[in-house]
PDB file of N, CA and C in Angstrom:
ATOM      1  N   MET A   1       8.087 -85.728  22.686  1.00  0.00           N
ATOM      2  CA  MET A   1       6.604 -86.179  22.732  1.00  0.00           C
ATOM      3  C   MET A   1       6.799 -87.145  23.579  1.00  0.00           C
ATOM      4  N   ALA A   2       6.304 -87.068  24.532  1.00  0.00           N
ATOM      5  CA  ALA A   2       5.843 -88.345  25.571  1.00  0.00           C
ATOM      6  C   ALA A   2       5.529 -89.521  25.099  1.00  0.00           C
ATOM      7  N   ASP A   3       5.713 -90.908  25.517  1.00  0.00           N
ATOM      8  CA  ASP A   3       5.458 -92.101  25.336  1.00  0.00           C
ATOM      9  C   ASP A   3       3.802 -92.265  25.955  1.00  0.00           C
ATOM     10  N   LYS A   4       3.107 -92.650  25.172  1.00  0.00           N
ATOM     11  CA  LYS A   4       1.857 -93.420  25.608  1.00  0.00           C
ATOM     12  C   LYS A   4       1.663 -94.773  25.484  1.00  0.00           C
ATOM     13  N   VAL A   5       0.833 -95.126  26.625  1.00  0.00           N
ATOM     14  CA  VAL A   5       0.532 -96.483  26.740  1.00  0.00           C
ATOM     15  C   VAL A   5      -1.138 -96.511  26.787  1.00  0.00           C
ATOM     16  N   ILE A   6      -1.540 -97.492  25.937  1.00  0.00           N
ATOM     17  CA  ILE A   6      -3.066 -97.322  25.714  1.00  0.00           C
ATOM     18  C   ILE A   6      -3.279 -98.951  26.164  1.00  0.00           C
ATOM     19  N   THR A   7      -4.202 -99.113  27.533  1.00  0.00           N
ATOM     20  CA  THR A   7      -4.559-100.454  27.722  1.00  0.00           C
ATOM     21  C   THR A   7      -6.031-100.903  27.282  1.00  0.00           C
ATOM     22  N   PHE A   8      -6.251-102.004  27.062  1.00  0.00           N
ATOM     23  CA  PHE A   8      -7.472-102.373  26.692  1.00  0.00           C
ATOM     24  C   PHE A   8      -8.419-102.757  27.563  1.00  0.00           C
ATOM     25  N   THR A   9      -9.582-102.857  28.037  1.00  0.00           N
ATOM     26  CA  THR A   9     -10.239-103.560  28.828  1.00  0.00           C
ATOM     27  C   THR A   9     -10.679-104.710  28.346  1.00  0.00           C
ATOM     28  N   ASP A  10     -10.798-105.678  29.054  1.00  0.00           N
ATOM     29  CA  ASP A  10     -11.420-106.891  28.671  1.00  0.00           C
ATOM     30  C   ASP A  10     -12.599-107.116  27.519  1.00  0.00           C
ATOM     31  N   GLN A  11     -13.577-105.830  27.855  1.00  0.00           N
ATOM     32  CA  GLN A  11     -14.573-105.852  26.657  1.00  0.00           C
ATOM     33  C   GLN A  11     -14.115-105.021  25.711  1.00  0.00           C
ATOM     34  N   GLU A  12     -13.174-104.050  25.478  1.00  0.00           N
ATOM     35  CA  GLU A  12     -12.606-103.485  24.384  1.00  0.00           C
ATOM     36  C   GLU A  12     -11.835-104.703  23.579  1.00  0.00           C
ATOM     37  N   GLN A  13     -11.122-105.546  24.478  1.00  0.00           N
ATOM     38  CA  GLN A  13     -10.474-106.546  23.595  1.00  0.00           C
ATOM     39  C   GLN A  13     -11.485-107.468  22.810  1.00  0.00           C
ATOM     40  N   MET A  14     -12.710-108.020  23.548  1.00  0.00           N
ATOM     41  CA  MET A  14     -13.325-108.613  22.808  1.00  0.00           C
ATOM     42  C   MET A  14     -13.993-107.877  21.825  1.00  0.00           C
ATOM     43  N   GLN A  15     -14.380-106.562  21.694  1.00  0.00           N
ATOM     44  CA  GLN A  15     -14.957-105.864  20.798  1.00  0.00           C
ATOM     45  C   GLN A  15     -14.021-105.983  19.489  1.00  0.00           C
ATOM     46  N   VAL A  16     -12.581-105.825  19.746  1.00  0.00           N
ATOM     47  CA  VAL A  16     -11.588-105.879  18.733  1.00  0.00           C
ATOM     48  C   VAL A  16     -11.833-107.201  17.760  1.00  0.00           C
ATOM     49  N   GLU A  17     -11.856-108.384  18.583  1.00  0.00           N
ATOM     50  CA  GLU A  17     -11.910-109.435  18.179  1.00  0.00           C
ATOM     51  C   GLU A  17     -13.040-109.805  17.423  1.00  0.00           C
ATOM     52  N   SER A  18     -14.130-109.012  17.667  1.00  0.00           N
ATOM     53  CA  SER A  18     -15.501-109.324  16.969  1.00  0.00           C
ATOM     54  C   SER A  18     -15.401-108.500  15.852  1.00  0.00           C
ATOM     55  N   ILE A  19     -14.894-107.141  15.804  1.00  0.00           N
ATOM     56  CA  ILE A  19     -14.476-106.528  14.477  1.00  0.00           C
ATOM     57  C   ILE A  19     -13.861-107.246  13.708  1.00  0.00           C
ATOM     58  N   VAL A  20     -12.646-107.960  13.935  1.00  0.00           N
ATOM     59  CA  VAL A  20     -11.924-108.710  13.060  1.00  0.00           C
ATOM     60  C   VAL A  20     -12.749-109.693  12.722  1.00  0.00           C
ATOM     61  N   ILE A  21     -13.586-110.580  13.230  1.00  0.00           N
ATOM     62  CA  ILE A  21     -13.933-111.752  12.718  1.00  0.00           C
ATOM     63  C   ILE A  21     -15.107-111.509  11.939  1.00  0.00           C
ATOM     64  N   ASP A  22     -15.889-110.187  12.427  1.00  0.00           N
ATOM     65  CA  ASP A  22     -16.924-109.912  11.530  1.00  0.00           C
ATOM     66  C   ASP A  22     -16.720-109.019  10.302  1.00  0.00           C
ATOM     67  N   LYS A  23     -15.419-108.771  10.076  1.00  0.00           N
ATOM     68  CA  LYS A  23     -14.874-107.680   8.960  1.00  0.00           C
ATOM     69  C   LYS A  23     -15.979-106.709   8.802  1.00  0.00           C
ATOM     70  N   ASP A  24     -16.336-105.925  10.034  1.00  0.00           N
ATOM     71  CA  ASP A  24     -17.236-104.865  10.157  1.00  0.00           C
ATOM     72  C   ASP A  24     -16.450-103.501   9.944  1.00  0.00           C
ATOM     73  N   GLY A  25     -16.401-103.062   8.611  1.00  0.00           N
ATOM     74  CA  GLY A  25     -15.413-101.524   8.788  1.00  0.00           C
ATOM     75  C   GLY A  25     -16.315-100.371   9.173  1.00  0.00           C
ATOM     76  N   MET A  26     -17.429-100.658   9.692  1.00  0.00           N
ATOM     77  CA  MET A  26     -17.758 -99.260  10.366  1.00  0.00           C
ATOM     78  C   MET A  26     -17.681 -99.099  11.520  1.00  0.00           C
ATOM     79  N   GLU A  27     -18.033-100.557  12.443  1.00  0.00           N
ATOM     80  CA  GLU A  27     -17.726-100.684  13.845  1.00  0.00           C
ATOM     81  C   GLU A  27     -16.084-100.410  13.806  1.00  0.00           C
ATOM     82  N   ALA A  28     -15.152-100.898  12.835  1.00  0.00           N
ATOM     83  CA  ALA A  28     -13.860-100.894  12.975  1.00  0.00           C
ATOM     84  C   ALA A  28     -13.462 -99.083  13.167  1.00  0.00           C
ATOM     85  N   LEU A  29     -13.999 -98.173  12.112  1.00  0.00           N
ATOM     86  CA  LEU A  29     -14.190 -96.813  12.206  1.00  0.00           C
ATOM     87  C   LEU A  29     -14.378 -96.133  13.487  1.00  0.00           C
ATOM     88  N   ARG A  30     -15.657 -96.600  14.039  1.00  0.00           N
ATOM     89  CA  ARG A  30     -15.929 -96.090  15.396  1.00  0.00           C
ATOM     90  C   ARG A  30     -14.816 -96.627  16.230  1.00  0.00           C
ATOM     91  N   PHE A  31     -14.671 -97.770  16.399  1.00  0.00           N
ATOM     92  CA  PHE A  31     -13.632 -97.928  17.394  1.00  0.00           C
ATOM     93  C   PHE A  31     -12.355 -96.983  17.303  1.00  0.00           C
ATOM     94  N   LEU A  32     -11.836 -97.181  16.203  1.00  0.00           N
ATOM     95  CA  LEU A  32     -10.449 -96.302  15.930  1.00  0.00           C
ATOM     96  C   LEU A  32     -10.778 -94.638  16.296  1.00  0.00           C
ATOM     97  N   ALA A  33     -11.975 -94.240  16.225  1.00  0.00           N
ATOM     98  CA  ALA A  33     -12.642 -92.672  16.228  1.00  0.00           C
ATOM     99  C   ALA A  33     -11.916 -92.715  18.108  1.00  0.00           C
ATOM    100  N   GLY A  34     -12.523 -93.606  18.857  1.00  0.00           N
ATOM    101  CA  GLY A  34     -12.629 -93.672  20.519  1.00  0.00           C
ATOM    102  C   GLY A  34     -10.986 -93.539  20.351  1.00  0.00           C
ATOM    103  N   LEU A  35     -10.581 -94.753  19.855  1.00  0.00           N
ATOM    104  CA  LEU A  35      -9.083 -94.660  20.206  1.00  0.00           C
ATOM    105  C   LEU A  35      -8.243 -93.752  20.151  1.00  0.00           C
ATOM    106  N   LEU A  36      -8.573 -92.942  18.692  1.00  0.00           N
ATOM    107  CA  LEU A  36      -7.826 -91.708  18.725  1.00  0.00           C
ATOM    108  C   LEU A  36      -7.973 -90.560  19.819  1.00  0.00           C
ATOM    109  N   ASP A  37      -9.160 -90.583  20.254  1.00  0.00           N
ATOM    110  CA  ASP A  37      -9.549 -89.518  20.989  1.00  0.00           C
ATOM    111  C   ASP A  37      -8.741 -89.719  22.293  1.00  0.00           C
ATOM    112  N   ARG A  38      -8.509 -91.130  22.786  1.00  0.00           N
ATOM    113  CA  ARG A  38      -7.601 -91.239  23.714  1.00  0.00           C
ATOM    114  C   ARG A  38      -6.185 -91.212  23.780  1.00  0.00           C
ATOM    115  N   LEU A  39      -5.836 -91.375  22.384  1.00  0.00           N
ATOM    116  CA  LEU A  39      -4.246 -91.008  21.931  1.00  0.00           C
ATOM    117  C   LEU A  39      -4.110 -89.425  21.759  1.00  0.00           C
ATOM    118  N   LYS A  40      -4.804 -88.440  21.772  1.00  0.00           N
ATOM    119  CA  LYS A  40      -5.018 -87.158  21.827  1.00  0.00           C
ATOM    120  C   LYS A  40      -4.217 -86.837  22.801  1.00  0.00           C
ATOM    121  N   GLY A  41      -3.412 -85.498  23.097  1.00  0.00           N
ATOM    122  CA  GLY A  41      -3.166 -84.994  24.239  1.00  0.00           C
ATOM    123  C   GLY A  41      -4.193 -84.385  24.880  1.00  0.00           C
ATOM    124  N   HIS A  42      -4.326 -84.014  26.175  1.00  0.00           N
ATOM    125  CA  HIS A  42      -5.269 -83.519  26.991  1.00  0.00           C
ATOM    126  C   HIS A  42      -4.210 -81.828  27.212  1.00  0.00           C
ATOM    127  N   GLY A  43      -4.960 -80.639  26.371  1.00  0.00           N
ATOM    128  CA  GLY A  43      -3.935 -79.721  26.953  1.00  0.00           C
ATOM    129  C   GLY A  43      -4.431 -79.456  28.466  1.00  0.00           C
ATOM    130  N   SER A  44      -3.281 -78.918  28.992  1.00  0.00           N
ATOM    131  CA  SER A  44      -3.328 -78.307  30.664  1.00  0.00           C
ATOM    132  C   SER A  44      -2.336 -77.787  30.766  1.00  0.00           C
ATOM    133  N   HIS A  45      -2.094 -77.113  32.132  1.00  0.00           N
ATOM    134  CA  HIS A  45      -1.050 -76.035  32.387  1.00  0.00           C
ATOM    135  C   HIS A  45      -0.922 -76.398  33.949  1.00  0.00           C
ATOM    136  N   ALA A  46       0.075 -75.552  34.747  1.00  0.00           N
ATOM    137  CA  ALA A  46       0.085 -75.774  36.140  1.00  0.00           C
ATOM    138  C   ALA A  46      -0.955 -75.480  36.991  1.00  0.00           C
ATOM    139  N   CYS A  47      -2.025 -74.713  36.306  1.00  0.00           N
ATOM    140  CA  CYS A  47      -2.941 -74.256  36.967  1.00  0.00           C
ATOM    141  C   CYS A  47      -4.435 -75.007  36.937  1.00  0.00           C
ATOM    142  N   GLY A  48      -4.150 -76.146  36.150  1.00  0.00           N
ATOM    143  CA  GLY A  48      -4.986 -76.967  35.784  1.00  0.00           C
ATOM    144  C   GLY A  48      -5.520 -77.329  34.401  1.00  0.00           C
ATOM    145  N   PRO A  49      -6.641 -77.919  33.992  1.00  0.00           N
ATOM    146  CA  PRO A  49      -7.057 -78.088  32.677  1.00  0.00           C
ATOM    147  C   PRO A  49      -7.799 -76.745  31.983  1.00  0.00           C
ATOM    148  N   LYS A  50      -7.349 -76.777  30.368  1.00  0.00           N
ATOM    149  CA  LYS A  50      -8.160 -75.389  29.962  1.00  0.00           C
ATOM    150  C   LYS A  50      -9.577 -75.307  30.158  1.00  0.00           C
ATOM    151  N   PRO A  51      -9.808 -73.958  30.319  1.00  0.00           N
ATOM    152  CA  PRO A  51     -11.442 -74.064  30.163  1.00  0.00           C
ATOM    153  C   PRO A  51     -11.967 -74.236  28.916  1.00  0.00           C
ATOM    154  N   ALA A  52     -13.181 -74.571  28.622  1.00  0.00           N
ATOM    155  CA  ALA A  52     -13.817 -75.128  27.263  1.00  0.00           C
ATOM    156  C   ALA A  52     -14.175 -73.763  26.469  1.00  0.00           C
TER     157      ALA A  52
END
């Protein structure tokens, strides 16, 4: 499995800080759901991405 590097924008970093400070569980779940989408591999092959 390939290593993945996730970088956060300044806005995303501020969002994480806000979630931690506010202890906002629902916002944390939304943020993690978006993060998981970024972590998932995107299927592709030599001819390009898979059609939907």
